[in-house]
Amino acid sequence: MEAQEQLKQWISESSRIVFFGGAGISTESGIPDFRGVDGLYHQQYQFPPETIISHSFYRQNPQEFYRFYKNRMLFPKAEPNRAHLALAKLEAEGKLKAVITQNIDGLHQAAGSKEVLELHGSVHRNYCTRCGKFYSLEDILNMDEPDGIPRCSCGGTIKPDVVLYEESLDQEVLSRSVAYITRADMLIVGGTSLTVYPAAGLIDYYRGNRMVLINKTVTPMDSRADLVISGQLGEVLGDAAGM
């Protein structure tokens, strides 16, 4: 059976589907993977992205952190693409139980998905490190501090609710993700290289025999999948969801 038809059949036969995704689903909405370092990047920044978005760098050099964060990680005009919409449709039909994402852009919720577990947090949530006051993404974008560092009305520095390098994942989100994957009768993995841990280790908890990998490039886990589809997530999921 052709891979796309196999995917459709498995979806029709499943009722506890879980989707686990990474940056590849957002690149189709025009959000570049920040690891894709281009020539322009080297002209603008003296450090690799993994260094800049680390906890210690944020503490020691918040001005440079926020310069990178605002330029390379915030895309307020991005819209959900066909892949996001397909997953929301499958959830509305009662087939898909959860989206587990490494992305921080909120596009799954914008597409209509309700049960979204954000392993790495969200740019839409920001908190004062002194008093805990909440600030939206719009608040951050509208702040015009001379040094570029968003500050609370109390004077404290505002930090995005995003998991930086050197920080731990939220244990509640992690445990809920494990629970969903353990109970899933089908696991669709898409747009992730499956090289960033501990997130990549989540697929170890899947106990079924319908693990589908959808990616444009080969991953270290291809040999463990029951079905591997090479292609654009929006096209593959959109067709599979009948939209």
C-alpha atoms as a PDB file:
ATOM      1  CA  MET A   1       0.000   0.000   0.000  1.00  0.00           C
ATOM      2  CA  GLU A   2       1.240   3.475  -0.881  1.00  0.00           C
ATOM      3  CA  ALA A   3       2.467   5.397   2.192  1.00  0.00           C
ATOM      4  CA  GLN A   4      -0.081   8.207   2.000  1.00  0.00           C
ATOM      5  CA  GLU A   5      -2.961   5.719   1.706  1.00  0.00           C
ATOM      6  CA  GLN A   6      -1.569   3.742   4.636  1.00  0.00           C
ATOM      7  CA  LEU A   7      -1.518   6.918   6.726  1.00  0.00           C
ATOM      8  CA  LYS A   8      -5.149   7.675   5.839  1.00  0.00           C
ATOM      9  CA  GLN A   9      -6.235   4.149   6.720  1.00  0.00           C
ATOM     10  CA  TRP A  10      -4.452   4.192  10.083  1.00  0.00           C
ATOM     11  CA  ILE A  11      -6.017   7.558  10.936  1.00  0.00           C
ATOM     12  CA  SER A  12      -9.479   6.228  10.079  1.00  0.00           C
ATOM     13  CA  GLU A  13      -8.912   3.190  12.323  1.00  0.00           C
ATOM     14  CA  SER A  14      -7.421   5.112  15.280  1.00  0.00           C
ATOM     15  CA  SER A  15      -9.102   7.031  18.091  1.00  0.00           C
ATOM     16  CA  ARG A  16      -6.216   7.991  20.383  1.00  0.00           C
ATOM     17  CA  ILE A  17      -3.785   9.720  18.031  1.00  0.00           C
ATOM     18  CA  VAL A  18      -0.997  11.892  19.431  1.00  0.00           C
ATOM     19  CA  PHE A  19       1.066  14.282  17.311  1.00  0.00           C
ATOM     20  CA  PHE A  20       4.617  15.149  18.362  1.00  0.00           C
ATOM     21  CA  GLY A  21       6.212  17.941  16.350  1.00  0.00           C
ATOM     22  CA  GLY A  22       9.082  20.348  16.020  1.00  0.00           C
ATOM     23  CA  ALA A  23      10.285  23.333  14.027  1.00  0.00           C
ATOM     24  CA  GLY A  24       9.464  21.738  10.661  1.00  0.00           C
ATOM     25  CA  ILE A  25       5.753  22.382  11.081  1.00  0.00           C
ATOM     26  CA  SER A  26       6.344  26.110  11.661  1.00  0.00           C
ATOM     27  CA  THR A  27       8.816  26.635   8.820  1.00  0.00           C
ATOM     28  CA  GLU A  28       5.858  26.133   6.465  1.00  0.00           C
ATOM     29  CA  SER A  29       4.316  29.224   8.092  1.00  0.00           C
ATOM     30  CA  GLY A  30       7.447  31.246   7.321  1.00  0.00           C
ATOM     31  CA  ILE A  31       9.095  30.844  10.731  1.00  0.00           C
ATOM     32  CA  PRO A  32      12.736  29.869  10.134  1.00  0.00           C
ATOM     33  CA  ASP A  33      14.445  27.278  12.292  1.00  0.00           C
ATOM     34  CA  PHE A  34      16.820  29.432  14.364  1.00  0.00           C
ATOM     35  CA  ARG A  35      19.485  26.727  14.047  1.00  0.00           C
ATOM     36  CA  GLY A  36      19.636  27.444  10.341  1.00  0.00           C
ATOM     37  CA  VAL A  37      22.415  29.982  10.696  1.00  0.00           C
ATOM     38  CA  ASP A  38      22.812  32.102   7.581  1.00  0.00           C
ATOM     39  CA  GLY A  39      25.418  34.629   6.452  1.00  0.00           C
ATOM     40  CA  LEU A  40      23.348  37.507   7.797  1.00  0.00           C
ATOM     41  CA  TYR A  41      23.373  35.861  11.210  1.00  0.00           C
ATOM     42  CA  HIS A  42      27.171  35.891  11.362  1.00  0.00           C
ATOM     43  CA  GLN A  43      27.216  39.600  10.563  1.00  0.00           C
ATOM     44  CA  GLN A  44      24.771  40.419  13.358  1.00  0.00           C
ATOM     45  CA  TYR A  45      25.766  38.140  16.258  1.00  0.00           C
ATOM     46  CA  GLN A  46      29.068  37.180  17.852  1.00  0.00           C
ATOM     47  CA  PHE A  47      27.758  33.988  19.479  1.00  0.00           C
ATOM     48  CA  PRO A  48      26.007  30.825  18.239  1.00  0.00           C
ATOM     49  CA  PRO A  49      22.226  30.770  18.846  1.00  0.00           C
ATOM     50  CA  GLU A  50      22.469  27.988  21.456  1.00  0.00           C
ATOM     51  CA  THR A  51      24.721  30.266  23.518  1.00  0.00           C
ATOM     52  CA  ILE A  52      22.528  33.351  23.189  1.00  0.00           C
ATOM     53  CA  ILE A  53      19.339  31.584  24.270  1.00  0.00           C
ATOM     54  CA  SER A  54      20.913  29.941  27.300  1.00  0.00           C
ATOM     55  CA  HIS A  55      19.947  30.816  30.865  1.00  0.00           C
ATOM     56  CA  SER A  56      23.420  32.027  31.798  1.00  0.00           C
ATOM     57  CA  PHE A  57      23.670  34.280  28.720  1.00  0.00           C
ATOM     58  CA  TYR A  58      20.214  35.729  29.461  1.00  0.00           C
ATOM     59  CA  ARG A  59      21.339  36.544  33.006  1.00  0.00           C
ATOM     60  CA  GLN A  60      24.716  37.979  32.014  1.00  0.00           C
ATOM     61  CA  ASN A  61      23.770  39.784  28.806  1.00  0.00           C
ATOM     62  CA  PRO A  62      20.011  40.429  28.658  1.00  0.00           C
ATOM     63  CA  GLN A  63      20.410  43.217  26.109  1.00  0.00           C
ATOM     64  CA  GLU A  64      22.046  40.930  23.526  1.00  0.00           C
ATOM     65  CA  PHE A  65      19.647  38.110  24.438  1.00  0.00           C
ATOM     66  CA  TYR A  66      16.634  40.296  23.708  1.00  0.00           C
ATOM     67  CA  ARG A  67      18.152  41.631  20.496  1.00  0.00           C
ATOM     68  CA  PHE A  68      18.392  38.054  19.189  1.00  0.00           C
ATOM     69  CA  TYR A  69      15.062  37.000  20.704  1.00  0.00           C
ATOM     70  CA  LYS A  70      13.071  39.846  19.136  1.00  0.00           C
ATOM     71  CA  ASN A  71      14.803  39.587  15.736  1.00  0.00           C
ATOM     72  CA  ARG A  72      14.969  35.825  15.313  1.00  0.00           C
ATOM     73  CA  MET A  73      12.300  34.206  17.492  1.00  0.00           C
ATOM     74  CA  LEU A  74       9.233  36.430  17.373  1.00  0.00           C
ATOM     75  CA  PHE A  75       6.959  36.212  14.335  1.00  0.00           C
ATOM     76  CA  PRO A  76       3.658  37.790  15.385  1.00  0.00           C
ATOM     77  CA  LYS A  77       2.282  37.875  11.827  1.00  0.00           C
ATOM     78  CA  ALA A  78       2.788  34.163  11.166  1.00  0.00           C
ATOM     79  CA  GLU A  79      -0.408  32.238  10.408  1.00  0.00           C
ATOM     80  CA  PRO A  80      -1.215  28.546  10.955  1.00  0.00           C
ATOM     81  CA  ASN A  81      -0.621  26.430   7.861  1.00  0.00           C
ATOM     82  CA  ARG A  82      -2.390  23.382   6.472  1.00  0.00           C
ATOM     83  CA  ALA A  83      -0.610  21.033   8.904  1.00  0.00           C
ATOM     84  CA  HIS A  84      -1.777  22.984  11.968  1.00  0.00           C
ATOM     85  CA  LEU A  85      -5.321  23.121  10.584  1.00  0.00           C
ATOM     86  CA  ALA A  86      -5.345  19.397   9.783  1.00  0.00           C
ATOM     87  CA  LEU A  87      -4.372  18.513  13.361  1.00  0.00           C
ATOM     88  CA  ALA A  88      -7.072  20.818  14.753  1.00  0.00           C
ATOM     89  CA  LYS A  89      -9.604  19.097  12.464  1.00  0.00           C
ATOM     90  CA  LEU A  90      -8.565  15.632  13.670  1.00  0.00           C
ATOM     91  CA  GLU A  91      -8.931  16.780  17.274  1.00  0.00           C
ATOM     92  CA  ALA A  92     -12.382  18.242  16.586  1.00  0.00           C
ATOM     93  CA  GLU A  93     -13.375  14.880  15.088  1.00  0.00           C
ATOM     94  CA  GLY A  94     -12.346  13.147  18.312  1.00  0.00           C
ATOM     95  CA  LYS A  95      -9.468  11.238  16.746  1.00  0.00           C
ATOM     96  CA  LEU A  96      -6.468  13.231  17.939  1.00  0.00           C
ATOM     97  CA  LYS A  97      -6.099  13.542  21.722  1.00  0.00           C
ATOM     98  CA  ALA A  98      -3.088  15.859  22.045  1.00  0.00           C
ATOM     99  CA  VAL A  99      -0.457  17.876  20.229  1.00  0.00           C
ATOM    100  CA  ILE A 100       2.946  17.784  21.885  1.00  0.00           C
ATOM    101  CA  THR A 101       5.160  20.500  20.457  1.00  0.00           C
ATOM    102  CA  GLN A 102       8.705  21.763  20.793  1.00  0.00           C
ATOM    103  CA  ASN A 103       7.606  25.039  19.203  1.00  0.00           C
ATOM    104  CA  ILE A 104       6.973  28.251  21.112  1.00  0.00           C
ATOM    105  CA  ASP A 105       4.935  30.179  18.521  1.00  0.00           C
ATOM    106  CA  GLY A 106       1.369  29.313  19.573  1.00  0.00           C
ATOM    107  CA  LEU A 107       0.295  28.427  16.025  1.00  0.00           C
ATOM    108  CA  HIS A 108      -1.371  25.170  17.076  1.00  0.00           C
ATOM    109  CA  GLN A 109      -3.733  27.107  19.359  1.00  0.00           C
ATOM    110  CA  ALA A 110      -4.283  29.726  16.661  1.00  0.00           C
ATOM    111  CA  ALA A 111      -5.392  26.909  14.330  1.00  0.00           C
ATOM    112  CA  GLY A 112      -7.947  25.732  16.880  1.00  0.00           C
ATOM    113  CA  SER A 113      -6.155  22.912  18.716  1.00  0.00           C
ATOM    114  CA  LYS A 114      -7.262  22.700  22.363  1.00  0.00           C
ATOM    115  CA  GLU A 115      -4.969  20.148  23.990  1.00  0.00           C
ATOM    116  CA  VAL A 116      -1.498  21.500  23.222  1.00  0.00           C
ATOM    117  CA  LEU A 117       1.445  20.571  25.423  1.00  0.00           C
ATOM    118  CA  GLU A 118       4.263  23.078  24.913  1.00  0.00           C
ATOM    119  CA  LEU A 119       7.505  21.413  25.967  1.00  0.00           C
ATOM    120  CA  HIS A 120       9.556  24.575  25.502  1.00  0.00           C
ATOM    121  CA  GLY A 121       7.015  27.178  26.631  1.00  0.00           C
ATOM    122  CA  SER A 122       5.497  30.001  24.611  1.00  0.00           C
ATOM    123  CA  VAL A 123       6.406  33.491  23.431  1.00  0.00           C
ATOM    124  CA  HIS A 124       2.817  34.474  24.241  1.00  0.00           C
ATOM    125  CA  ARG A 125       3.472  34.212  27.983  1.00  0.00           C
ATOM    126  CA  ASN A 126       5.915  36.578  29.681  1.00  0.00           C
ATOM    127  CA  TYR A 127       6.442  37.246  33.381  1.00  0.00           C
ATOM    128  CA  CYS A 128       8.191  39.798  35.548  1.00  0.00           C
ATOM    129  CA  THR A 129      11.048  38.077  37.349  1.00  0.00           C
ATOM    130  CA  ARG A 130      10.453  40.309  40.377  1.00  0.00           C
ATOM    131  CA  CYS A 131       6.685  40.435  40.955  1.00  0.00           C
ATOM    132  CA  GLY A 132       5.384  37.772  38.565  1.00  0.00           C
ATOM    133  CA  LYS A 133       3.051  40.074  36.608  1.00  0.00           C
ATOM    134  CA  PHE A 134       1.930  38.605  33.275  1.00  0.00           C
ATOM    135  CA  TYR A 135       2.677  40.270  29.935  1.00  0.00           C
ATOM    136  CA  SER A 136       1.457  39.222  26.485  1.00  0.00           C
ATOM    137  CA  LEU A 137       3.508  39.023  23.298  1.00  0.00           C
ATOM    138  CA  GLU A 138       1.858  42.275  22.188  1.00  0.00           C
ATOM    139  CA  ASP A 139       3.011  43.936  25.412  1.00  0.00           C
ATOM    140  CA  ILE A 140       6.595  42.881  24.738  1.00  0.00           C
ATOM    141  CA  LEU A 141       6.503  44.065  21.133  1.00  0.00           C
ATOM    142  CA  ASN A 142       5.056  47.436  22.132  1.00  0.00           C
ATOM    143  CA  MET A 143       7.665  48.169  24.800  1.00  0.00           C
ATOM    144  CA  ASP A 144      10.286  50.645  23.636  1.00  0.00           C
ATOM    145  CA  GLU A 145      12.999  50.496  26.271  1.00  0.00           C
ATOM    146  CA  PRO A 146      16.231  52.329  25.306  1.00  0.00           C
ATOM    147  CA  ASP A 147      18.330  49.208  25.958  1.00  0.00           C
ATOM    148  CA  GLY A 148      15.777  46.816  24.434  1.00  0.00           C
ATOM    149  CA  ILE A 149      15.139  44.950  27.698  1.00  0.00           C
ATOM    150  CA  PRO A 150      11.406  44.712  28.551  1.00  0.00           C
ATOM    151  CA  ARG A 151      10.691  45.909  32.080  1.00  0.00           C
ATOM    152  CA  CYS A 152       7.696  45.580  34.340  1.00  0.00           C
ATOM    153  CA  SER A 153       5.861  48.514  35.913  1.00  0.00           C
ATOM    154  CA  CYS A 154       7.582  47.487  39.160  1.00  0.00           C
ATOM    155  CA  GLY A 155      11.006  47.865  37.543  1.00  0.00           C
ATOM    156  CA  GLY A 156      11.749  44.155  37.284  1.00  0.00           C
ATOM    157  CA  THR A 157      12.986  42.473  34.109  1.00  0.00           C
ATOM    158  CA  ILE A 158      10.396  40.556  32.105  1.00  0.00           C
ATOM    159  CA  LYS A 159      11.364  37.044  30.987  1.00  0.00           C
ATOM    160  CA  PRO A 160       9.568  35.045  28.300  1.00  0.00           C
ATOM    161  CA  ASP A 161       8.019  31.787  29.490  1.00  0.00           C
ATOM    162  CA  VAL A 162      10.367  29.927  27.161  1.00  0.00           C
ATOM    163  CA  VAL A 163      12.637  27.091  28.248  1.00  0.00           C
ATOM    164  CA  LEU A 164      16.194  28.252  27.610  1.00  0.00           C
ATOM    165  CA  TYR A 165      19.247  26.047  27.302  1.00  0.00           C
ATOM    166  CA  GLU A 166      20.443  25.036  30.810  1.00  0.00           C
ATOM    167  CA  GLU A 167      16.847  25.178  32.067  1.00  0.00           C
ATOM    168  CA  SER A 168      14.701  22.130  32.814  1.00  0.00           C
ATOM    169  CA  LEU A 169      11.491  21.296  31.012  1.00  0.00           C
ATOM    170  CA  ASP A 170       8.305  21.759  33.005  1.00  0.00           C
ATOM    171  CA  GLN A 171       7.806  18.436  34.781  1.00  0.00           C
ATOM    172  CA  GLU A 172       4.015  18.580  34.659  1.00  0.00           C
ATOM    173  CA  VAL A 173       4.007  19.142  30.888  1.00  0.00           C
ATOM    174  CA  LEU A 174       6.552  16.348  30.499  1.00  0.00           C
ATOM    175  CA  SER A 175       4.560  13.861  32.592  1.00  0.00           C
ATOM    176  CA  ARG A 176       1.310  14.681  30.771  1.00  0.00           C
ATOM    177  CA  SER A 177       3.112  14.188  27.451  1.00  0.00           C
ATOM    178  CA  VAL A 178       4.376  10.791  28.583  1.00  0.00           C
ATOM    179  CA  ALA A 179       0.852   9.808  29.668  1.00  0.00           C
ATOM    180  CA  TYR A 180      -0.659  10.752  26.299  1.00  0.00           C
ATOM    181  CA  ILE A 181       2.033   8.931  24.311  1.00  0.00           C
ATOM    182  CA  THR A 182       1.799   5.827  26.491  1.00  0.00           C
ATOM    183  CA  ARG A 183      -1.964   5.598  25.870  1.00  0.00           C
ATOM    184  CA  ALA A 184      -1.810   6.482  22.151  1.00  0.00           C
ATOM    185  CA  ASP A 185      -2.928   3.966  19.540  1.00  0.00           C
ATOM    186  CA  MET A 186      -1.104   5.998  16.874  1.00  0.00           C
ATOM    187  CA  LEU A 187       1.845   8.387  17.158  1.00  0.00           C
ATOM    188  CA  ILE A 188       2.543  10.860  14.364  1.00  0.00           C
ATOM    189  CA  VAL A 189       5.954  12.518  14.591  1.00  0.00           C
ATOM    190  CA  GLY A 190       6.632  15.412  12.234  1.00  0.00           C
ATOM    191  CA  GLY A 191       9.009  18.256  11.520  1.00  0.00           C
ATOM    192  CA  THR A 192      11.600  17.293  14.098  1.00  0.00           C
ATOM    193  CA  SER A 193      15.115  15.923  13.729  1.00  0.00           C
ATOM    194  CA  LEU A 194      14.623  13.916  16.970  1.00  0.00           C
ATOM    195  CA  THR A 195      18.067  14.943  18.190  1.00  0.00           C
ATOM    196  CA  VAL A 196      17.170  17.352  21.018  1.00  0.00           C
ATOM    197  CA  TYR A 197      16.753  15.643  24.374  1.00  0.00           C
ATOM    198  CA  PRO A 198      14.896  15.106  26.638  1.00  0.00           C
ATOM    199  CA  ALA A 199      12.077  15.859  24.179  1.00  0.00           C
ATOM    200  CA  ALA A 200      13.253  13.323  21.574  1.00  0.00           C
ATOM    201  CA  GLY A 201      13.212  10.603  24.222  1.00  0.00           C
ATOM    202  CA  LEU A 202       9.433  10.891  24.520  1.00  0.00           C
ATOM    203  CA  ILE A 203       8.857   8.527  21.597  1.00  0.00           C
ATOM    204  CA  ASP A 204      10.380   5.738  23.729  1.00  0.00           C
ATOM    205  CA  TYR A 205       7.122   5.720  25.687  1.00  0.00           C
ATOM    206  CA  TYR A 206       5.008   4.764  22.688  1.00  0.00           C
ATOM    207  CA  ARG A 207       3.833   1.160  22.988  1.00  0.00           C
ATOM    208  CA  GLY A 208       1.851   0.761  19.764  1.00  0.00           C
ATOM    209  CA  ASN A 209       2.713  -0.329  16.245  1.00  0.00           C
ATOM    210  CA  ARG A 210       1.622   2.763  14.338  1.00  0.00           C
ATOM    211  CA  MET A 211       4.426   5.249  14.698  1.00  0.00           C
ATOM    212  CA  VAL A 212       4.574   7.507  11.651  1.00  0.00           C
ATOM    213  CA  LEU A 213       7.530   9.780  10.886  1.00  0.00           C
ATOM    214  CA  ILE A 214       6.902  12.660   8.476  1.00  0.00           C
ATOM    215  CA  ASN A 215       9.994  14.686   7.685  1.00  0.00           C
ATOM    216  CA  LYS A 216      11.827  16.249   4.784  1.00  0.00           C
ATOM    217  CA  THR A 217      15.113  14.725   5.944  1.00  0.00           C
ATOM    218  CA  VAL A 218      16.251  11.442   7.452  1.00  0.00           C
ATOM    219  CA  THR A 219      16.161  11.153  11.276  1.00  0.00           C
ATOM    220  CA  PRO A 220      18.041   8.798  13.634  1.00  0.00           C
ATOM    221  CA  MET A 221      14.678   7.167  14.465  1.00  0.00           C
ATOM    222  CA  ASP A 222      13.558   6.257  10.930  1.00  0.00           C
ATOM    223  CA  SER A 223      14.391   2.572  11.438  1.00  0.00           C
ATOM    224  CA  ARG A 224      12.120   2.458  14.495  1.00  0.00           C
ATOM    225  CA  ALA A 225       9.082   3.880  12.711  1.00  0.00           C
ATOM    226  CA  ASP A 226       6.304   1.734  11.282  1.00  0.00           C
ATOM    227  CA  LEU A 227       5.804   4.213   8.444  1.00  0.00           C
ATOM    228  CA  VAL A 228       8.185   6.892   7.126  1.00  0.00           C
ATOM    229  CA  ILE A 229       6.935   9.597   4.766  1.00  0.00           C
ATOM    230  CA  SER A 230       9.296  12.115   3.215  1.00  0.00           C
ATOM    231  CA  GLY A 231       7.581  15.365   2.356  1.00  0.00           C
ATOM    232  CA  GLN A 232       5.971  18.618   3.447  1.00  0.00           C
ATOM    233  CA  LEU A 233       3.916  18.260   6.627  1.00  0.00           C
ATOM    234  CA  GLY A 234       1.144  20.533   5.388  1.00  0.00           C
ATOM    235  CA  GLU A 235       0.659  18.502   2.234  1.00  0.00           C
ATOM    236  CA  VAL A 236       0.901  15.089   3.913  1.00  0.00           C
ATOM    237  CA  LEU A 237      -1.311  15.870   6.921  1.00  0.00           C
ATOM    238  CA  GLY A 238      -3.715  18.020   4.919  1.00  0.00           C
ATOM    239  CA  ASP A 239      -4.364  15.212   2.455  1.00  0.00           C
ATOM    240  CA  ALA A 240      -4.607  12.615   5.233  1.00  0.00           C
ATOM    241  CA  ALA A 241      -7.147  14.706   7.155  1.00  0.00           C
ATOM    242  CA  GLY A 242      -9.218  15.303   4.031  1.00  0.00           C
ATOM    243  CA  MET A 243      -8.756  19.022   3.701  1.00  0.00           C
END
